[in-house]
Amino acid sequence: VLERLVHRRAVAKDRVLHALERRPACLCSSGEFAEAEGLYNGVLEVESETLGEDHPNTLTTAHNLATLFYNKGDLAEAKTRLTAVLALRTQTLGAEHPHTKNTIENLAAVEEALERQGRAIAASCAAEEEAARRTAEATKAQALESLRRQASSRVAASAAEDERTRRVAEQAKAAALESLQRKVAVPPPLCPSPQSSSHLHLVLLRRAPSLPTLPSMRSK
């Protein structure tokens, strides 16, 4: 009778645990991973204490919990848990057992997903580096173009200043030359030259009124 009672209690506990295991599976299907994880951990704790960590039911719960981490995207945690389950299943059930093979397949899927994730991260990093390189090159090109324009502006300003200076110098030179030419074109006043006394006497005689002619005196 005692054995039957113990057996019945064990069967009842197994049924309860089985029902508890199906509940988190339904939650995982609907994407409610947080609640499902809490239930799986509760069942796993009870099974580990009552059945043992290497019991097939305990390992099934551990396997499902690892699969939950895979489904919610925590690949590293899924790989760690599946690796532990695989070691215990290989030890207790054998490498050819369907449950062991299932764990091997899931672990391979996780490792492949990790490789894809790694390649995606590497590609993303490479794309970011390329974008940063192009941005740096564009910034450098813009800076060089700005410096070139500034240099061209300075050269143009200097050339314009030189041209203005040259024109001012030419205008000053032309004004000085014109002033000099004007001074040369005006002849200096002439001073009268001194005349001889005979010449003056002749001029006075010409200008004096003619006198009447006197008769000549005859001798007696």
Protein backbone atom coordinates (compact mmCIF):
# COMPACT_ATOMS: atom_id res chain seq x y z
CA VAL A 1 0.00 0.00 0.00
CA LEU A 2 2.84 2.39 0.90
CA GLU A 3 4.57 1.67 -2.37
CA ARG A 4 1.37 2.36 -4.27
CA LEU A 5 0.92 5.63 -2.41
CA VAL A 6 4.47 6.69 -3.17
CA HIS A 7 4.01 5.70 -6.78
CA ARG A 8 0.78 7.66 -7.06
CA ARG A 9 2.41 10.74 -5.55
CA ALA A 10 5.32 10.44 -7.96
CA VAL A 11 2.93 10.08 -10.90
CA ALA A 12 0.92 13.07 -9.72
CA LYS A 13 4.08 15.16 -9.36
CA ASP A 14 5.18 14.16 -12.83
CA ARG A 15 1.80 15.20 -14.21
CA VAL A 16 2.01 18.54 -12.43
CA LEU A 17 5.51 19.12 -13.71
CA HIS A 18 4.49 18.10 -17.20
CA ALA A 19 1.59 20.55 -17.09
CA LEU A 20 3.93 23.25 -15.84
CA GLU A 21 6.33 22.52 -18.70
CA ARG A 22 3.61 22.89 -21.31
CA ARG A 23 2.58 26.29 -19.99
CA PRO A 24 5.91 28.03 -20.66
CA ALA A 25 6.05 26.38 -24.08
CA CYS A 26 2.75 28.08 -24.94
CA LEU A 27 4.06 31.36 -23.61
CA CYS A 28 7.16 31.05 -25.81
CA SER A 29 4.96 30.49 -28.85
CA SER A 30 3.19 33.78 -28.15
CA GLY A 31 6.44 35.63 -27.53
CA GLU A 32 5.96 36.04 -23.76
CA PHE A 33 9.54 35.04 -23.01
CA ALA A 34 9.91 36.71 -19.62
CA GLU A 35 7.00 34.83 -18.02
CA ALA A 36 7.97 31.59 -19.76
CA GLU A 37 11.54 31.90 -18.47
CA GLY A 38 10.28 32.30 -14.90
CA LEU A 39 8.12 29.17 -15.19
CA TYR A 40 10.90 27.13 -16.77
CA ASN A 41 13.29 28.11 -13.99
CA GLY A 42 10.72 27.09 -11.36
CA VAL A 43 10.13 23.70 -12.96
CA LEU A 44 13.86 23.15 -13.46
CA GLU A 45 14.55 23.89 -9.80
CA VAL A 46 11.89 21.41 -8.63
CA GLU A 47 13.02 18.71 -11.07
CA SER A 48 16.67 19.13 -10.12
CA GLU A 49 15.83 18.70 -6.44
CA THR A 50 13.37 15.79 -6.82
CA LEU A 51 14.61 13.94 -9.91
CA GLY A 52 18.24 15.01 -10.18
CA GLU A 53 20.10 17.23 -12.60
CA ASP A 54 20.84 14.34 -15.00
CA HIS A 55 17.28 13.01 -15.11
CA PRO A 56 15.80 12.95 -18.63
CA ASN A 57 12.86 15.17 -17.57
CA THR A 58 15.23 17.68 -15.96
CA LEU A 59 17.39 17.74 -19.08
CA THR A 60 14.32 18.23 -21.26
CA THR A 61 13.35 21.28 -19.23
CA ALA A 62 16.92 22.58 -19.39
CA HIS A 63 16.93 21.99 -23.15
CA ASN A 64 13.66 23.91 -23.57
CA LEU A 65 14.95 26.78 -21.44
CA ALA A 66 18.06 26.99 -23.63
CA THR A 67 15.80 27.04 -26.70
CA LEU A 68 13.88 29.94 -25.13
CA PHE A 69 17.08 31.97 -24.96
CA TYR A 70 17.74 31.15 -28.61
CA ASN A 71 14.25 32.25 -29.65
CA LYS A 72 14.52 35.57 -27.83
CA GLY A 73 17.90 36.29 -29.42
CA ASP A 74 20.31 35.60 -26.54
CA LEU A 75 22.53 33.30 -28.58
CA ALA A 76 25.48 33.25 -26.19
CA GLU A 77 23.32 32.10 -23.24
CA ALA A 78 21.59 29.53 -25.43
CA LYS A 79 24.93 28.09 -26.53
CA THR A 80 26.17 27.85 -22.93
CA ARG A 81 23.04 26.05 -21.73
CA LEU A 82 22.79 23.70 -24.74
CA THR A 83 26.45 22.76 -24.34
CA ALA A 84 25.78 21.73 -20.71
CA VAL A 85 22.63 19.79 -21.68
CA LEU A 86 24.49 18.00 -24.47
CA ALA A 87 27.21 16.84 -22.09
CA LEU A 88 24.67 15.40 -19.63
CA ARG A 89 22.49 13.82 -22.31
CA THR A 90 25.50 12.22 -23.99
CA GLN A 91 26.55 10.85 -20.59
CA THR A 92 23.13 9.55 -19.52
CA LEU A 93 21.35 8.75 -22.78
CA GLY A 94 24.19 8.22 -25.22
CA ALA A 95 25.28 10.08 -28.35
CA GLU A 96 22.77 8.25 -30.58
CA HIS A 97 19.69 8.95 -28.48
CA PRO A 98 17.08 11.10 -30.27
CA HIS A 99 17.11 13.65 -27.42
CA THR A 100 20.88 13.93 -27.63
CA LYS A 101 20.75 14.36 -31.39
CA ASN A 102 18.08 17.03 -30.97
CA THR A 103 20.38 18.95 -28.64
CA ILE A 104 23.25 18.56 -31.12
CA GLU A 105 21.08 19.96 -33.92
CA ASN A 106 19.92 22.90 -31.82
CA LEU A 107 23.47 23.64 -30.71
CA ALA A 108 24.62 23.59 -34.34
CA ALA A 109 21.81 26.02 -35.23
CA VAL A 110 22.87 28.32 -32.41
CA GLU A 111 26.52 28.24 -33.50
CA GLU A 112 25.52 28.97 -37.10
CA ALA A 113 23.39 31.88 -35.92
CA LEU A 114 26.33 33.19 -33.91
CA GLU A 115 28.53 33.00 -37.01
CA ARG A 116 25.94 34.89 -39.05
CA GLN A 117 25.65 37.42 -36.27
CA GLY A 118 29.41 37.81 -36.16
CA ARG A 119 29.57 38.32 -39.93
CA ALA A 120 26.73 40.82 -39.75
CA ILE A 121 28.47 42.72 -36.97
CA ALA A 122 31.75 42.68 -38.89
CA ALA A 123 30.00 43.91 -42.03
CA SER A 124 28.24 46.62 -40.05
CA CYS A 125 31.52 47.72 -38.50
CA ALA A 126 33.18 47.73 -41.91
CA ALA A 127 30.31 49.78 -43.33
CA GLU A 128 30.56 52.24 -40.45
CA GLU A 129 34.32 52.51 -40.91
CA GLU A 130 33.86 53.09 -44.64
CA ALA A 131 31.22 55.72 -43.98
CA ALA A 132 33.50 57.39 -41.43
CA ARG A 133 36.39 57.29 -43.92
CA ARG A 134 34.28 58.86 -46.66
CA THR A 135 33.02 61.50 -44.26
CA ALA A 136 36.59 62.28 -43.22
CA GLU A 137 37.69 62.49 -46.85
CA ALA A 138 34.75 64.75 -47.71
CA THR A 139 35.52 66.97 -44.73
CA LYS A 140 39.18 67.12 -45.72
CA ALA A 141 38.27 67.94 -49.32
CA GLN A 142 35.94 70.70 -48.15
CA ALA A 143 38.66 72.12 -45.90
CA LEU A 144 41.19 72.05 -48.75
CA GLU A 145 38.69 73.69 -51.10
CA SER A 146 38.01 76.38 -48.50
CA LEU A 147 41.75 76.99 -48.09
CA ARG A 148 42.18 77.12 -51.87
CA ARG A 149 39.39 79.67 -52.18
CA GLN A 150 40.85 81.76 -49.37
CA ALA A 151 44.27 81.64 -51.01
CA SER A 152 42.76 82.58 -54.37
CA SER A 153 40.91 85.46 -52.74
CA ARG A 154 44.10 86.69 -51.10
CA VAL A 155 46.01 86.44 -54.37
CA ALA A 156 43.24 88.25 -56.22
CA ALA A 157 43.11 90.95 -53.54
CA SER A 158 46.88 91.35 -53.67
CA ALA A 159 46.82 91.56 -57.45
CA ALA A 160 44.05 94.17 -57.32
CA GLU A 161 46.02 96.19 -54.78
CA ASP A 162 49.14 95.98 -56.94
CA GLU A 163 47.10 97.13 -59.94
CA ARG A 164 45.71 100.09 -58.00
CA THR A 165 49.19 101.03 -56.82
CA ARG A 166 50.51 100.81 -60.39
CA ARG A 167 47.71 103.00 -61.72
CA VAL A 168 48.24 105.60 -59.00
CA ALA A 169 51.97 105.64 -59.77
CA GLU A 170 51.29 105.99 -63.49
CA GLN A 171 48.83 108.81 -62.87
CA ALA A 172 51.32 110.63 -60.63
CA LYS A 173 54.05 110.15 -63.24
CA ALA A 174 51.78 111.43 -66.03
CA ALA A 175 50.77 114.46 -63.96
CA ALA A 176 54.42 115.32 -63.23
CA LEU A 177 55.35 114.90 -66.88
CA GLU A 178 52.46 117.11 -68.01
CA SER A 179 53.45 119.81 -65.51
CA LEU A 180 57.02 119.70 -66.77
CA GLN A 181 55.90 119.97 -70.38
CA ARG A 182 53.79 123.01 -69.56
CA LYS A 183 56.75 124.74 -67.94
CA VAL A 184 58.95 124.06 -70.97
CA ALA A 185 56.30 125.35 -73.45
CA VAL A 186 56.14 128.92 -71.94
CA PRO A 187 59.23 130.97 -73.17
CA PRO A 188 60.99 133.17 -70.64
CA PRO A 189 60.63 137.00 -71.04
CA LEU A 190 63.35 138.59 -73.20
CA CYS A 191 65.47 141.50 -71.85
CA PRO A 192 66.25 144.39 -74.33
CA SER A 193 69.83 144.55 -75.42
CA PRO A 194 71.73 147.84 -74.86
CA GLN A 195 72.03 150.04 -78.02
CA SER A 196 75.04 152.23 -79.10
CA SER A 197 74.96 156.07 -78.84
CA SER A 198 75.33 156.56 -82.60
CA HIS A 199 72.36 154.37 -83.22
CA LEU A 200 70.31 156.37 -80.76
CA HIS A 201 71.43 159.65 -82.37
CA LEU A 202 70.32 158.41 -85.72
CA VAL A 203 66.96 157.42 -84.36
CA LEU A 204 66.49 160.83 -82.74
CA LEU A 205 67.36 162.61 -85.96
CA ARG A 206 64.80 160.56 -87.81
CA ARG A 207 62.12 161.33 -85.26
CA ALA A 208 62.95 165.19 -85.03
CA PRO A 209 60.93 167.57 -87.23
CA SER A 210 62.64 168.80 -90.32
CA LEU A 211 64.05 172.36 -89.99
CA PRO A 212 63.85 175.05 -92.78
CA THR A 213 66.84 175.37 -94.96
CA LEU A 214 68.90 178.52 -94.33
CA PRO A 215 70.13 180.51 -97.29
CA SER A 216 73.79 180.50 -97.86
CA MET A 217 75.71 183.66 -97.19
CA ARG A 218 77.41 185.40 -100.07
CA SER A 219 80.56 187.36 -99.83
CA LYS A 220 80.62 190.91 -100.82
